[in-house]
Structures are given as C-alpha cells and as structure tokens.
Amino acid sequence: MAVLGDLRKRIDRFQNDPILPNMRTLMELQKEITALGEEERSGLASFILSSLPNAPLGPDDEEVTKRENEMDSGKAAPISYAEFKQAVGR
C-alpha cells in the first residue's frame, strides 16, 4: 500500500507541474514543424531568427557590394547552389 501511495504522490506532482504542459506543447510544435515543407520551415526559421535580439540577419549592403565587385573583377567566381552544398558537405 505504501508503494501505491508513493505512486499517487508522484502522479499528483507531475499533474501539477507547470513545466510539463509547456513541454508537451513544445513537443507538439516540433512535430508539426517537422511536417511542414522545406520552404515553410525556412520561412519559420527566418521569422524566429529575426525575432531574436542580436540575431545575424545576413550580409549588409556593404558586404554585398564587396562580393559583387569581387565577382565582377574576376577575383571570385560564382558557384551554383548545388556546388555550394557539395562544398559544405551537405
């Protein structure tokens, strides 16, 4: 009987834990996000990153101009997305 009482106490503690419902919601969200298409997940990731303070949002105009000038001058050659993925091992 003591074991049963201990088990009931544990169940009550878990049912009243304020963190567990949030964890369950997070797990449900993760499952739903995984079911999204690549473009939808990419858009969601961009949205989430842009909502964070100090998040890297991409290159600024100065960096873009510098890279364009490097390509125009022949210092750098453009590559396709497939070549880029292969170069980074994806």
N, C-alpha and C. Protein backbone atom coordinates (compact mmCIF):
# COMPACT_ATOMS: atom_id res chain seq x y z
N MET A 1 0.81 -1.20 0.00
CA MET A 1 0.00 0.00 0.00
C MET A 1 0.85 1.26 0.00
N ALA A 2 2.01 1.19 0.66
CA ALA A 2 2.89 2.36 0.71
C ALA A 2 3.39 2.70 -0.69
N VAL A 3 3.62 1.67 -1.50
CA VAL A 3 4.09 1.88 -2.87
C VAL A 3 3.02 2.59 -3.68
N LEU A 4 1.78 2.17 -3.50
CA LEU A 4 0.66 2.79 -4.23
C LEU A 4 0.51 4.25 -3.83
N GLY A 5 0.63 4.54 -2.54
CA GLY A 5 0.54 5.92 -2.07
C GLY A 5 1.66 6.78 -2.64
N ASP A 6 2.87 6.21 -2.70
CA ASP A 6 4.02 6.93 -3.25
C ASP A 6 3.80 7.21 -4.74
N LEU A 7 3.26 6.24 -5.44
CA LEU A 7 2.97 6.40 -6.86
C LEU A 7 1.94 7.51 -7.08
N ARG A 8 0.91 7.53 -6.26
CA ARG A 8 -0.12 8.58 -6.38
C ARG A 8 0.48 9.96 -6.14
N LYS A 9 1.37 10.06 -5.16
CA LYS A 9 2.03 11.34 -4.88
C LYS A 9 2.84 11.80 -6.10
N ARG A 10 3.56 10.87 -6.72
CA ARG A 10 4.35 11.21 -7.91
C ARG A 10 3.45 11.67 -9.06
N ILE A 11 2.37 10.96 -9.27
CA ILE A 11 1.43 11.33 -10.34
C ILE A 11 0.85 12.71 -10.07
N ASP A 12 0.44 12.97 -8.83
CA ASP A 12 -0.10 14.28 -8.48
C ASP A 12 0.93 15.38 -8.71
N ARG A 13 2.18 15.08 -8.36
CA ARG A 13 3.24 16.08 -8.54
C ARG A 13 3.42 16.40 -10.03
N PHE A 14 3.42 15.36 -10.88
CA PHE A 14 3.57 15.57 -12.32
C PHE A 14 2.38 16.31 -12.91
N GLN A 15 1.19 15.99 -12.45
CA GLN A 15 -0.01 16.64 -12.98
C GLN A 15 -0.04 18.11 -12.61
N ASN A 16 0.54 18.48 -11.48
CA ASN A 16 0.54 19.87 -11.03
C ASN A 16 1.81 20.63 -11.43
N ASP A 17 2.70 19.98 -12.14
CA ASP A 17 3.95 20.61 -12.56
C ASP A 17 3.65 21.61 -13.68
N PRO A 18 3.96 22.90 -13.49
CA PRO A 18 3.65 23.90 -14.52
C PRO A 18 4.50 23.78 -15.78
N ILE A 19 5.61 23.08 -15.72
CA ILE A 19 6.51 22.96 -16.87
C ILE A 19 6.03 21.89 -17.85
N LEU A 20 5.47 20.82 -17.35
CA LEU A 20 5.08 19.70 -18.21
C LEU A 20 4.11 20.09 -19.33
N PRO A 21 3.06 20.87 -19.06
CA PRO A 21 2.19 21.23 -20.19
C PRO A 21 2.93 22.00 -21.28
N ASN A 22 3.88 22.85 -20.89
CA ASN A 22 4.67 23.59 -21.89
C ASN A 22 5.57 22.65 -22.68
N MET A 23 6.13 21.65 -22.01
CA MET A 23 6.98 20.68 -22.72
C MET A 23 6.15 19.89 -23.72
N ARG A 24 4.95 19.54 -23.31
CA ARG A 24 4.07 18.79 -24.20
C ARG A 24 3.74 19.66 -25.41
N THR A 25 3.45 20.93 -25.18
CA THR A 25 3.14 21.84 -26.28
C THR A 25 4.35 21.99 -27.19
N LEU A 26 5.54 22.11 -26.64
CA LEU A 26 6.75 22.22 -27.45
C LEU A 26 6.96 20.98 -28.30
N MET A 27 6.72 19.83 -27.72
CA MET A 27 6.88 18.58 -28.48
C MET A 27 5.85 18.52 -29.61
N GLU A 28 4.64 18.98 -29.36
CA GLU A 28 3.62 19.00 -30.40
C GLU A 28 4.02 19.96 -31.51
N LEU A 29 4.55 21.13 -31.12
CA LEU A 29 5.01 22.11 -32.12
C LEU A 29 6.13 21.54 -32.97
N GLN A 30 7.08 20.88 -32.34
CA GLN A 30 8.19 20.30 -33.08
C GLN A 30 7.68 19.28 -34.09
N LYS A 31 6.71 18.50 -33.70
CA LYS A 31 6.15 17.50 -34.61
C LYS A 31 5.46 18.19 -35.79
N GLU A 32 4.71 19.26 -35.52
CA GLU A 32 4.03 19.99 -36.59
C GLU A 32 5.03 20.68 -37.51
N ILE A 33 6.08 21.25 -36.95
CA ILE A 33 7.10 21.94 -37.75
C ILE A 33 7.81 20.95 -38.67
N THR A 34 8.10 19.77 -38.16
CA THR A 34 8.77 18.75 -38.95
C THR A 34 7.91 18.34 -40.15
N ALA A 35 6.60 18.42 -40.00
CA ALA A 35 5.69 18.02 -41.08
C ALA A 35 5.57 19.10 -42.16
N LEU A 36 6.06 20.32 -41.89
CA LEU A 36 5.98 21.39 -42.88
C LEU A 36 6.94 21.12 -44.03
N GLY A 37 6.66 21.76 -45.15
CA GLY A 37 7.56 21.68 -46.29
C GLY A 37 8.83 22.48 -46.03
N GLU A 38 9.83 22.25 -46.86
CA GLU A 38 11.12 22.93 -46.67
C GLU A 38 10.99 24.45 -46.72
N GLU A 39 10.23 24.95 -47.67
CA GLU A 39 10.07 26.40 -47.80
C GLU A 39 9.36 26.99 -46.58
N GLU A 40 8.35 26.30 -46.08
CA GLU A 40 7.63 26.77 -44.90
C GLU A 40 8.54 26.76 -43.67
N ARG A 41 9.33 25.70 -43.50
CA ARG A 41 10.26 25.63 -42.37
C ARG A 41 11.32 26.72 -42.47
N SER A 42 11.79 26.97 -43.69
CA SER A 42 12.78 28.02 -43.89
C SER A 42 12.21 29.38 -43.51
N GLY A 43 10.99 29.64 -43.94
CA GLY A 43 10.34 30.91 -43.59
C GLY A 43 10.14 31.04 -42.09
N LEU A 44 9.75 29.96 -41.44
CA LEU A 44 9.57 29.97 -39.99
C LEU A 44 10.89 30.22 -39.29
N ALA A 45 11.94 29.56 -39.76
CA ALA A 45 13.27 29.75 -39.16
C ALA A 45 13.71 31.21 -39.30
N SER A 46 13.48 31.80 -40.46
CA SER A 46 13.83 33.20 -40.66
C SER A 46 13.05 34.11 -39.72
N PHE A 47 11.77 33.81 -39.58
CA PHE A 47 10.93 34.60 -38.69
C PHE A 47 11.43 34.51 -37.25
N ILE A 48 11.74 33.30 -36.80
CA ILE A 48 12.19 33.11 -35.42
C ILE A 48 13.53 33.80 -35.21
N LEU A 49 14.46 33.63 -36.15
CA LEU A 49 15.77 34.29 -36.01
C LEU A 49 15.63 35.81 -35.98
N SER A 50 14.76 36.36 -36.82
CA SER A 50 14.62 37.82 -36.85
C SER A 50 13.99 38.36 -35.58
N SER A 51 13.32 37.50 -34.81
CA SER A 51 12.70 37.96 -33.57
C SER A 51 13.68 37.96 -32.40
N LEU A 52 14.88 37.37 -32.59
CA LEU A 52 15.86 37.32 -31.52
C LEU A 52 16.73 38.57 -31.52
N PRO A 53 17.06 39.07 -30.33
CA PRO A 53 17.98 40.21 -30.28
C PRO A 53 19.37 39.75 -30.71
N ASN A 54 20.05 40.59 -31.42
CA ASN A 54 21.41 40.31 -31.88
C ASN A 54 21.52 39.11 -32.83
N ALA A 55 20.44 38.78 -33.50
CA ALA A 55 20.47 37.65 -34.44
C ALA A 55 21.16 38.09 -35.72
N PRO A 56 21.98 37.21 -36.30
CA PRO A 56 22.60 37.55 -37.58
C PRO A 56 21.52 37.52 -38.67
N LEU A 57 21.30 38.64 -39.29
CA LEU A 57 20.23 38.74 -40.28
C LEU A 57 20.74 38.68 -41.70
N GLY A 58 22.00 38.41 -41.88
CA GLY A 58 22.56 38.31 -43.22
C GLY A 58 23.51 39.45 -43.49
N PRO A 59 24.07 39.46 -44.68
CA PRO A 59 25.08 40.49 -45.00
C PRO A 59 24.45 41.87 -45.16
N ASP A 60 25.23 42.89 -44.82
CA ASP A 60 24.74 44.25 -45.03
C ASP A 60 25.07 44.68 -46.47
N ASP A 61 24.58 45.83 -46.86
CA ASP A 61 24.77 46.31 -48.23
C ASP A 61 26.24 46.43 -48.61
N GLU A 62 27.07 46.83 -47.66
CA GLU A 62 28.50 46.99 -47.93
C GLU A 62 29.13 45.64 -48.30
N GLU A 63 28.76 44.59 -47.57
CA GLU A 63 29.30 43.25 -47.85
C GLU A 63 28.82 42.75 -49.21
N VAL A 64 27.56 42.99 -49.53
CA VAL A 64 27.02 42.57 -50.83
C VAL A 64 27.76 43.26 -51.96
N THR A 65 27.98 44.57 -51.83
CA THR A 65 28.70 45.33 -52.85
C THR A 65 30.12 44.82 -53.01
N LYS A 66 30.78 44.53 -51.89
CA LYS A 66 32.15 44.00 -51.93
C LYS A 66 32.18 42.67 -52.70
N ARG A 67 31.25 41.78 -52.40
CA ARG A 67 31.22 40.47 -53.07
C ARG A 67 30.90 40.61 -54.56
N GLU A 68 29.99 41.51 -54.89
CA GLU A 68 29.67 41.75 -56.31
C GLU A 68 30.89 42.26 -57.06
N ASN A 69 31.62 43.18 -56.44
CA ASN A 69 32.83 43.71 -57.06
C ASN A 69 33.89 42.62 -57.25
N GLU A 70 34.00 41.70 -56.28
CA GLU A 70 34.95 40.60 -56.41
C GLU A 70 34.58 39.69 -57.59
N MET A 71 33.27 39.45 -57.77
CA MET A 71 32.85 38.62 -58.90
C MET A 71 33.05 39.36 -60.23
N ASP A 72 32.72 40.65 -60.24
CA ASP A 72 32.88 41.43 -61.47
C ASP A 72 34.34 41.54 -61.89
N SER A 73 35.24 41.62 -60.91
CA SER A 73 36.66 41.77 -61.21
C SER A 73 37.33 40.43 -61.55
N GLY A 74 36.65 39.33 -61.27
CA GLY A 74 37.23 38.01 -61.54
C GLY A 74 37.98 37.43 -60.35
N LYS A 75 38.05 38.17 -59.24
CA LYS A 75 38.71 37.66 -58.03
C LYS A 75 37.97 36.44 -57.47
N ALA A 76 36.67 36.44 -57.66
CA ALA A 76 35.85 35.33 -57.16
C ALA A 76 34.91 34.90 -58.26
N ALA A 77 34.65 33.62 -58.34
CA ALA A 77 33.74 33.09 -59.35
C ALA A 77 32.47 32.61 -58.67
N PRO A 78 31.32 32.93 -59.23
CA PRO A 78 30.07 32.44 -58.64
C PRO A 78 29.96 30.93 -58.80
N ILE A 79 29.29 30.30 -57.84
CA ILE A 79 29.05 28.86 -57.93
C ILE A 79 27.55 28.61 -57.76
N SER A 80 27.11 27.46 -58.21
CA SER A 80 25.69 27.12 -58.09
C SER A 80 25.39 26.69 -56.65
N TYR A 81 24.11 26.64 -56.34
CA TYR A 81 23.70 26.19 -55.02
C TYR A 81 24.13 24.74 -54.78
N ALA A 82 24.01 23.92 -55.81
CA ALA A 82 24.42 22.51 -55.70
C ALA A 82 25.92 22.42 -55.40
N GLU A 83 26.74 23.26 -56.07
CA GLU A 83 28.18 23.26 -55.81
C GLU A 83 28.46 23.72 -54.38
N PHE A 84 27.71 24.72 -53.92
CA PHE A 84 27.88 25.20 -52.57
C PHE A 84 27.57 24.11 -51.55
N LYS A 85 26.43 23.42 -51.74
CA LYS A 85 26.06 22.34 -50.82
C LYS A 85 27.12 21.25 -50.79
N GLN A 86 27.66 20.92 -51.95
CA GLN A 86 28.70 19.90 -52.00
C GLN A 86 29.95 20.38 -51.28
N ALA A 87 30.29 21.65 -51.43
CA ALA A 87 31.49 22.19 -50.79
C ALA A 87 31.38 22.19 -49.27
N VAL A 88 30.17 22.38 -48.75
CA VAL A 88 30.00 22.40 -47.29
C VAL A 88 29.59 21.04 -46.74
N GLY A 89 29.53 20.05 -47.61
CA GLY A 89 29.28 18.69 -47.16
C GLY A 89 27.84 18.34 -46.89
N ARG A 90 26.93 18.89 -47.64
CA ARG A 90 25.51 18.55 -47.45
C ARG A 90 24.96 17.82 -48.62
